[in-house]
Amino acid sequence: MKGSEIRELTVQEIAERIEQLQEERFRLRFRSATQQLENPTLLRTIRRDIARLKTAQRERDLKEGR
């Protein structure tokens, strides 16, 4: 997910996307403990997407003065 795509999302959509990615990350981490993953780099990609979303969320909070 690119930064330009994230900036087009609403605050609610960002929060929902963060929640979805965190659930997916949990499932992948759980599965990686029990068996080998098909694409182990997916964990890193998800982690970075979550960080990008949280950064955009924080930027908006600071812009609004929260």
PDB file of N, CA and C in Angstrom:
ATOM      1  N   MET A   1       0.853  -1.171   0.000  1.00  0.00           N
ATOM      2  CA  MET A   1       0.000   0.000   0.000  1.00  0.00           C
ATOM      3  C   MET A   1       0.899   1.234   0.000  1.00  0.00           C
ATOM      4  N   LYS A   2       0.656   2.114  -0.934  1.00  0.00           N
ATOM      5  CA  LYS A   2       1.471   3.309  -1.083  1.00  0.00           C
ATOM      6  C   LYS A   2       0.924   4.443  -0.228  1.00  0.00           C
ATOM      7  N   GLY A   3       1.797   5.398   0.073  1.00  0.00           N
ATOM      8  CA  GLY A   3       1.406   6.538   0.870  1.00  0.00           C
ATOM      9  C   GLY A   3       0.308   7.360   0.221  1.00  0.00           C
ATOM     10  N   SER A   4       0.364   7.489  -1.082  1.00  0.00           N
ATOM     11  CA  SER A   4      -0.673   8.263  -1.778  1.00  0.00           C
ATOM     12  C   SER A   4      -2.035   7.582  -1.668  1.00  0.00           C
ATOM     13  N   GLU A   5      -2.045   6.258  -1.682  1.00  0.00           N
ATOM     14  CA  GLU A   5      -3.302   5.520  -1.519  1.00  0.00           C
ATOM     15  C   GLU A   5      -3.849   5.719  -0.099  1.00  0.00           C
ATOM     16  N   ILE A   6      -2.966   5.723   0.870  1.00  0.00           N
ATOM     17  CA  ILE A   6      -3.374   5.866   2.271  1.00  0.00           C
ATOM     18  C   ILE A   6      -3.961   7.252   2.512  1.00  0.00           C
ATOM     19  N   ARG A   7      -3.354   8.269   1.934  1.00  0.00           N
ATOM     20  CA  ARG A   7      -3.824   9.635   2.154  1.00  0.00           C
ATOM     21  C   ARG A   7      -5.207   9.889   1.558  1.00  0.00           C
ATOM     22  N   GLU A   8      -5.621   9.056   0.625  1.00  0.00           N
ATOM     23  CA  GLU A   8      -6.955   9.190   0.035  1.00  0.00           C
ATOM     24  C   GLU A   8      -8.042   8.587   0.918  1.00  0.00           C
ATOM     25  N   LEU A   9      -7.645   7.756   1.895  1.00  0.00           N
ATOM     26  CA  LEU A   9      -8.611   7.091   2.767  1.00  0.00           C
ATOM     27  C   LEU A   9      -9.116   8.046   3.841  1.00  0.00           C
ATOM     28  N   THR A  10     -10.313   7.780   4.340  1.00  0.00           N
ATOM     29  CA  THR A  10     -10.851   8.565   5.450  1.00  0.00           C
ATOM     30  C   THR A  10     -10.267   8.040   6.757  1.00  0.00           C
ATOM     31  N   VAL A  11     -10.491   8.768   7.826  1.00  0.00           N
ATOM     32  CA  VAL A  11      -9.989   8.373   9.139  1.00  0.00           C
ATOM     33  C   VAL A  11     -10.570   7.019   9.547  1.00  0.00           C
ATOM     34  N   GLN A  12     -11.856   6.832   9.295  1.00  0.00           N
ATOM     35  CA  GLN A  12     -12.522   5.575   9.639  1.00  0.00           C
ATOM     36  C   GLN A  12     -11.953   4.416   8.831  1.00  0.00           C
ATOM     37  N   GLU A  13     -11.727   4.644   7.549  1.00  0.00           N
ATOM     38  CA  GLU A  13     -11.184   3.592   6.690  1.00  0.00           C
ATOM     39  C   GLU A  13      -9.777   3.196   7.115  1.00  0.00           C
ATOM     40  N   ILE A  14      -8.978   4.180   7.540  1.00  0.00           N
ATOM     41  CA  ILE A  14      -7.622   3.882   8.022  1.00  0.00           C
ATOM     42  C   ILE A  14      -7.691   3.011   9.261  1.00  0.00           C
ATOM     43  N   ALA A  15      -8.566   3.369  10.206  1.00  0.00           N
ATOM     44  CA  ALA A  15      -8.704   2.594  11.431  1.00  0.00           C
ATOM     45  C   ALA A  15      -9.151   1.161  11.138  1.00  0.00           C
ATOM     46  N   GLU A  16     -10.095   1.007  10.228  1.00  0.00           N
ATOM     47  CA  GLU A  16     -10.573  -0.329   9.862  1.00  0.00           C
ATOM     48  C   GLU A  16      -9.471  -1.139   9.202  1.00  0.00           C
ATOM     49  N   ARG A  17      -8.708  -0.502   8.328  1.00  0.00           N
ATOM     50  CA  ARG A  17      -7.626  -1.198   7.619  1.00  0.00           C
ATOM     51  C   ARG A  17      -6.533  -1.638   8.602  1.00  0.00           C
ATOM     52  N   ILE A  18      -6.218  -0.791   9.590  1.00  0.00           N
ATOM     53  CA  ILE A  18      -5.229  -1.158  10.603  1.00  0.00           C
ATOM     54  C   ILE A  18      -5.706  -2.393  11.358  1.00  0.00           C
ATOM     55  N   GLU A  19      -6.960  -2.389  11.744  1.00  0.00           N
ATOM     56  CA  GLU A  19      -7.525  -3.523  12.481  1.00  0.00           C
ATOM     57  C   GLU A  19      -7.465  -4.804  11.647  1.00  0.00           C
ATOM     58  N   GLN A  20      -7.823  -4.718  10.376  1.00  0.00           N
ATOM     59  CA  GLN A  20      -7.793  -5.891   9.490  1.00  0.00           C
ATOM     60  C   GLN A  20      -6.373  -6.436   9.350  1.00  0.00           C
ATOM     61  N   LEU A  21      -5.420  -5.540   9.153  1.00  0.00           N
ATOM     62  CA  LEU A  21      -4.037  -5.978   8.975  1.00  0.00           C
ATOM     63  C   LEU A  21      -3.471  -6.584  10.255  1.00  0.00           C
ATOM     64  N   GLN A  22      -3.849  -6.039  11.409  1.00  0.00           N
ATOM     65  CA  GLN A  22      -3.367  -6.603  12.668  1.00  0.00           C
ATOM     66  C   GLN A  22      -3.918  -8.004  12.880  1.00  0.00           C
ATOM     67  N   GLU A  23      -5.184  -8.226  12.507  1.00  0.00           N
ATOM     68  CA  GLU A  23      -5.756  -9.569  12.599  1.00  0.00           C
ATOM     69  C   GLU A  23      -5.040 -10.534  11.665  1.00  0.00           C
ATOM     70  N   GLU A  24      -4.801 -10.075  10.449  1.00  0.00           N
ATOM     71  CA  GLU A  24      -4.112 -10.917   9.474  1.00  0.00           C
ATOM     72  C   GLU A  24      -2.690 -11.231   9.936  1.00  0.00           C
ATOM     73  N   ARG A  25      -2.015 -10.240  10.496  1.00  0.00           N
ATOM     74  CA  ARG A  25      -0.654 -10.449  11.013  1.00  0.00           C
ATOM     75  C   ARG A  25      -0.662 -11.470  12.144  1.00  0.00           C
ATOM     76  N   PHE A  26      -1.647 -11.389  13.037  1.00  0.00           N
ATOM     77  CA  PHE A  26      -1.758 -12.351  14.127  1.00  0.00           C
ATOM     78  C   PHE A  26      -1.921 -13.766  13.583  1.00  0.00           C
ATOM     79  N   ARG A  27      -2.833 -13.921  12.606  1.00  0.00           N
ATOM     80  CA  ARG A  27      -3.064 -15.252  12.028  1.00  0.00           C
ATOM     81  C   ARG A  27      -1.813 -15.800  11.364  1.00  0.00           C
ATOM     82  N   LEU A  28      -1.088 -14.946  10.648  1.00  0.00           N
ATOM     83  CA  LEU A  28       0.136 -15.394   9.980  1.00  0.00           C
ATOM     84  C   LEU A  28       1.217 -15.771  10.991  1.00  0.00           C
ATOM     85  N   ARG A  29       1.350 -14.988  12.042  1.00  0.00           N
ATOM     86  CA  ARG A  29       2.345 -15.305  13.066  1.00  0.00           C
ATOM     87  C   ARG A  29       2.004 -16.622  13.754  1.00  0.00           C
ATOM     88  N   PHE A  30       0.728 -16.838  14.004  1.00  0.00           N
ATOM     89  CA  PHE A  30       0.287 -18.083  14.635  1.00  0.00           C
ATOM     90  C   PHE A  30       0.575 -19.263  13.704  1.00  0.00           C
ATOM     91  N   ARG A  31       0.253 -19.099  12.429  1.00  0.00           N
ATOM     92  CA  ARG A  31       0.483 -20.167  11.463  1.00  0.00           C
ATOM     93  C   ARG A  31       1.978 -20.431  11.270  1.00  0.00           C
ATOM     94  N   SER A  32       2.800 -19.389  11.329  1.00  0.00           N
ATOM     95  CA  SER A  32       4.238 -19.569  11.143  1.00  0.00           C
ATOM     96  C   SER A  32       4.857 -20.356  12.294  1.00  0.00           C
ATOM     97  N   ALA A  33       4.234 -20.297  13.464  1.00  0.00           N
ATOM     98  CA  ALA A  33       4.738 -21.054  14.610  1.00  0.00           C
ATOM     99  C   ALA A  33       4.430 -22.542  14.468  1.00  0.00           C
ATOM    100  N   THR A  34       3.375 -22.874  13.739  1.00  0.00           N
ATOM    101  CA  THR A  34       2.978 -24.276  13.621  1.00  0.00           C
ATOM    102  C   THR A  34       3.405 -24.918  12.302  1.00  0.00           C
ATOM    103  N   GLN A  35       3.562 -24.112  11.265  1.00  0.00           N
ATOM    104  CA  GLN A  35       3.956 -24.663   9.965  1.00  0.00           C
ATOM    105  C   GLN A  35       4.698 -23.606   9.169  1.00  0.00           C
ATOM    106  N   GLN A  36       5.278 -24.019   8.071  1.00  0.00           N
ATOM    107  CA  GLN A  36       6.022 -23.102   7.227  1.00  0.00           C
ATOM    108  C   GLN A  36       5.067 -22.289   6.363  1.00  0.00           C
ATOM    109  N   LEU A  37       5.344 -20.991   6.249  1.00  0.00           N
ATOM    110  CA  LEU A  37       4.513 -20.115   5.429  1.00  0.00           C
ATOM    111  C   LEU A  37       4.921 -20.205   3.961  1.00  0.00           C
ATOM    112  N   GLU A  38       3.945 -20.025   3.082  1.00  0.00           N
ATOM    113  CA  GLU A  38       4.232 -20.014   1.654  1.00  0.00           C
ATOM    114  C   GLU A  38       5.043 -18.780   1.274  1.00  0.00           C
ATOM    115  N   ASN A  39       4.705 -17.647   1.888  1.00  0.00           N
ATOM    116  CA  ASN A  39       5.375 -16.384   1.583  1.00  0.00           C
ATOM    117  C   ASN A  39       5.759 -15.693   2.893  1.00  0.00           C
ATOM    118  N   PRO A  40       6.937 -15.999   3.432  1.00  0.00           N
ATOM    119  CA  PRO A  40       7.314 -15.423   4.723  1.00  0.00           C
ATOM    120  C   PRO A  40       7.534 -13.909   4.692  1.00  0.00           C
ATOM    121  N   THR A  41       7.772 -13.339   3.524  1.00  0.00           N
ATOM    122  CA  THR A  41       7.964 -11.892   3.447  1.00  0.00           C
ATOM    123  C   THR A  41       6.654 -11.130   3.616  1.00  0.00           C
ATOM    124  N   LEU A  42       5.537 -11.851   3.570  1.00  0.00           N
ATOM    125  CA  LEU A  42       4.230 -11.219   3.751  1.00  0.00           C
ATOM    126  C   LEU A  42       4.119 -10.607   5.149  1.00  0.00           C
ATOM    127  N   LEU A  43       4.721 -11.236   6.148  1.00  0.00           N
ATOM    128  CA  LEU A  43       4.704 -10.680   7.509  1.00  0.00           C
ATOM    129  C   LEU A  43       5.366  -9.305   7.536  1.00  0.00           C
ATOM    130  N   ARG A  44       6.489  -9.176   6.871  1.00  0.00           N
ATOM    131  CA  ARG A  44       7.199  -7.895   6.840  1.00  0.00           C
ATOM    132  C   ARG A  44       6.376  -6.842   6.101  1.00  0.00           C
ATOM    133  N   THR A  45       5.768  -7.234   5.000  1.00  0.00           N
ATOM    134  CA  THR A  45       4.949  -6.314   4.219  1.00  0.00           C
ATOM    135  C   THR A  45       3.768  -5.799   5.034  1.00  0.00           C
ATOM    136  N   ILE A  46       3.108  -6.697   5.747  1.00  0.00           N
ATOM    137  CA  ILE A  46       1.963  -6.306   6.573  1.00  0.00           C
ATOM    138  C   ILE A  46       2.408  -5.373   7.692  1.00  0.00           C
ATOM    139  N   ARG A  47       3.522  -5.699   8.326  1.00  0.00           N
ATOM    140  CA  ARG A  47       4.032  -4.859   9.414  1.00  0.00           C
ATOM    141  C   ARG A  47       4.315  -3.441   8.906  1.00  0.00           C
ATOM    142  N   ARG A  48       4.901  -3.337   7.732  1.00  0.00           N
ATOM    143  CA  ARG A  48       5.226  -2.025   7.172  1.00  0.00           C
ATOM    144  C   ARG A  48       3.963  -1.262   6.757  1.00  0.00           C
ATOM    145  N   ASP A  49       2.975  -1.971   6.243  1.00  0.00           N
ATOM    146  CA  ASP A  49       1.707  -1.321   5.892  1.00  0.00           C
ATOM    147  C   ASP A  49       1.021  -0.757   7.137  1.00  0.00           C
ATOM    148  N   ILE A  50       1.057  -1.524   8.224  1.00  0.00           N
ATOM    149  CA  ILE A  50       0.475  -1.043   9.484  1.00  0.00           C
ATOM    150  C   ILE A  50       1.196   0.225   9.927  1.00  0.00           C
ATOM    151  N   ALA A  51       2.523   0.233   9.826  1.00  0.00           N
ATOM    152  CA  ALA A  51       3.295   1.410  10.222  1.00  0.00           C
ATOM    153  C   ALA A  51       2.945   2.617   9.346  1.00  0.00           C
ATOM    154  N   ARG A  52       2.782   2.401   8.048  1.00  0.00           N
ATOM    155  CA  ARG A  52       2.413   3.503   7.155  1.00  0.00           C
ATOM    156  C   ARG A  52       1.036   4.073   7.514  1.00  0.00           C
ATOM    157  N   LEU A  53       0.102   3.170   7.800  1.00  0.00           N
ATOM    158  CA  LEU A  53      -1.243   3.608   8.164  1.00  0.00           C
ATOM    159  C   LEU A  53      -1.244   4.381   9.472  1.00  0.00           C
ATOM    160  N   LYS A  54      -0.493   3.886  10.456  1.00  0.00           N
ATOM    161  CA  LYS A  54      -0.428   4.583  11.742  1.00  0.00           C
ATOM    162  C   LYS A  54       0.252   5.939  11.608  1.00  0.00           C
ATOM    163  N   THR A  55       1.231   6.040  10.727  1.00  0.00           N
ATOM    164  CA  THR A  55       1.890   7.318  10.489  1.00  0.00           C
ATOM    165  C   THR A  55       0.915   8.323   9.885  1.00  0.00           C
ATOM    166  N   ALA A  56       0.153   7.887   8.906  1.00  0.00           N
ATOM    167  CA  ALA A  56      -0.842   8.770   8.278  1.00  0.00           C
ATOM    168  C   ALA A  56      -1.906   9.179   9.294  1.00  0.00           C
ATOM    169  N   GLN A  57      -2.300   8.234  10.139  1.00  0.00           N
ATOM    170  CA  GLN A  57      -3.290   8.517  11.177  1.00  0.00           C
ATOM    171  C   GLN A  57      -2.748   9.568  12.151  1.00  0.00           C
ATOM    172  N   ARG A  58      -1.503   9.438  12.539  1.00  0.00           N
ATOM    173  CA  ARG A  58      -0.883  10.386  13.465  1.00  0.00           C
ATOM    174  C   ARG A  58      -0.736  11.763  12.811  1.00  0.00           C
ATOM    175  N   GLU A  59      -0.378  11.800  11.533  1.00  0.00           N
ATOM    176  CA  GLU A  59      -0.263  13.072  10.821  1.00  0.00           C
ATOM    177  C   GLU A  59      -1.594  13.819  10.838  1.00  0.00           C
ATOM    178  N   ARG A  60      -2.672  13.087  10.618  1.00  0.00           N
ATOM    179  CA  ARG A  60      -4.003  13.719  10.629  1.00  0.00           C
ATOM    180  C   ARG A  60      -4.368  14.195  12.025  1.00  0.00           C
ATOM    181  N   ASP A  61      -4.010  13.432  13.039  1.00  0.00           N
ATOM    182  CA  ASP A  61      -4.284  13.845  14.421  1.00  0.00           C
ATOM    183  C   ASP A  61      -3.548  15.137  14.737  1.00  0.00           C
ATOM    184  N   LEU A  62      -2.300  15.231  14.349  1.00  0.00           N
ATOM    185  CA  LEU A  62      -1.538  16.437  14.613  1.00  0.00           C
ATOM    186  C   LEU A  62      -2.065  17.623  13.820  1.00  0.00           C
ATOM    187  N   LYS A  63      -2.524  17.358  12.618  1.00  0.00           N
ATOM    188  CA  LYS A  63      -3.075  18.422  11.769  1.00  0.00           C
ATOM    189  C   LYS A  63      -4.349  18.988  12.387  1.00  0.00           C
ATOM    190  N   GLU A  64      -5.156  18.118  12.993  1.00  0.00           N
ATOM    191  CA  GLU A  64      -6.403  18.538  13.610  1.00  0.00           C
ATOM    192  C   GLU A  64      -6.174  19.130  15.005  1.00  0.00           C
ATOM    193  N   GLY A  65      -4.980  18.979  15.533  1.00  0.00           N
ATOM    194  CA  GLY A  65      -4.661  19.539  16.834  1.00  0.00           C
ATOM    195  C   GLY A  65      -5.011  18.642  18.002  1.00  0.00           C
ATOM    196  N   ARG A  66      -5.046  17.353  17.790  1.00  0.00           N
ATOM    197  CA  ARG A  66      -5.360  16.418  18.878  1.00  0.00           C
ATOM    198  C   ARG A  66      -4.156  16.119  19.700  1.00  0.00           C
TER     199      ARG A  66
END
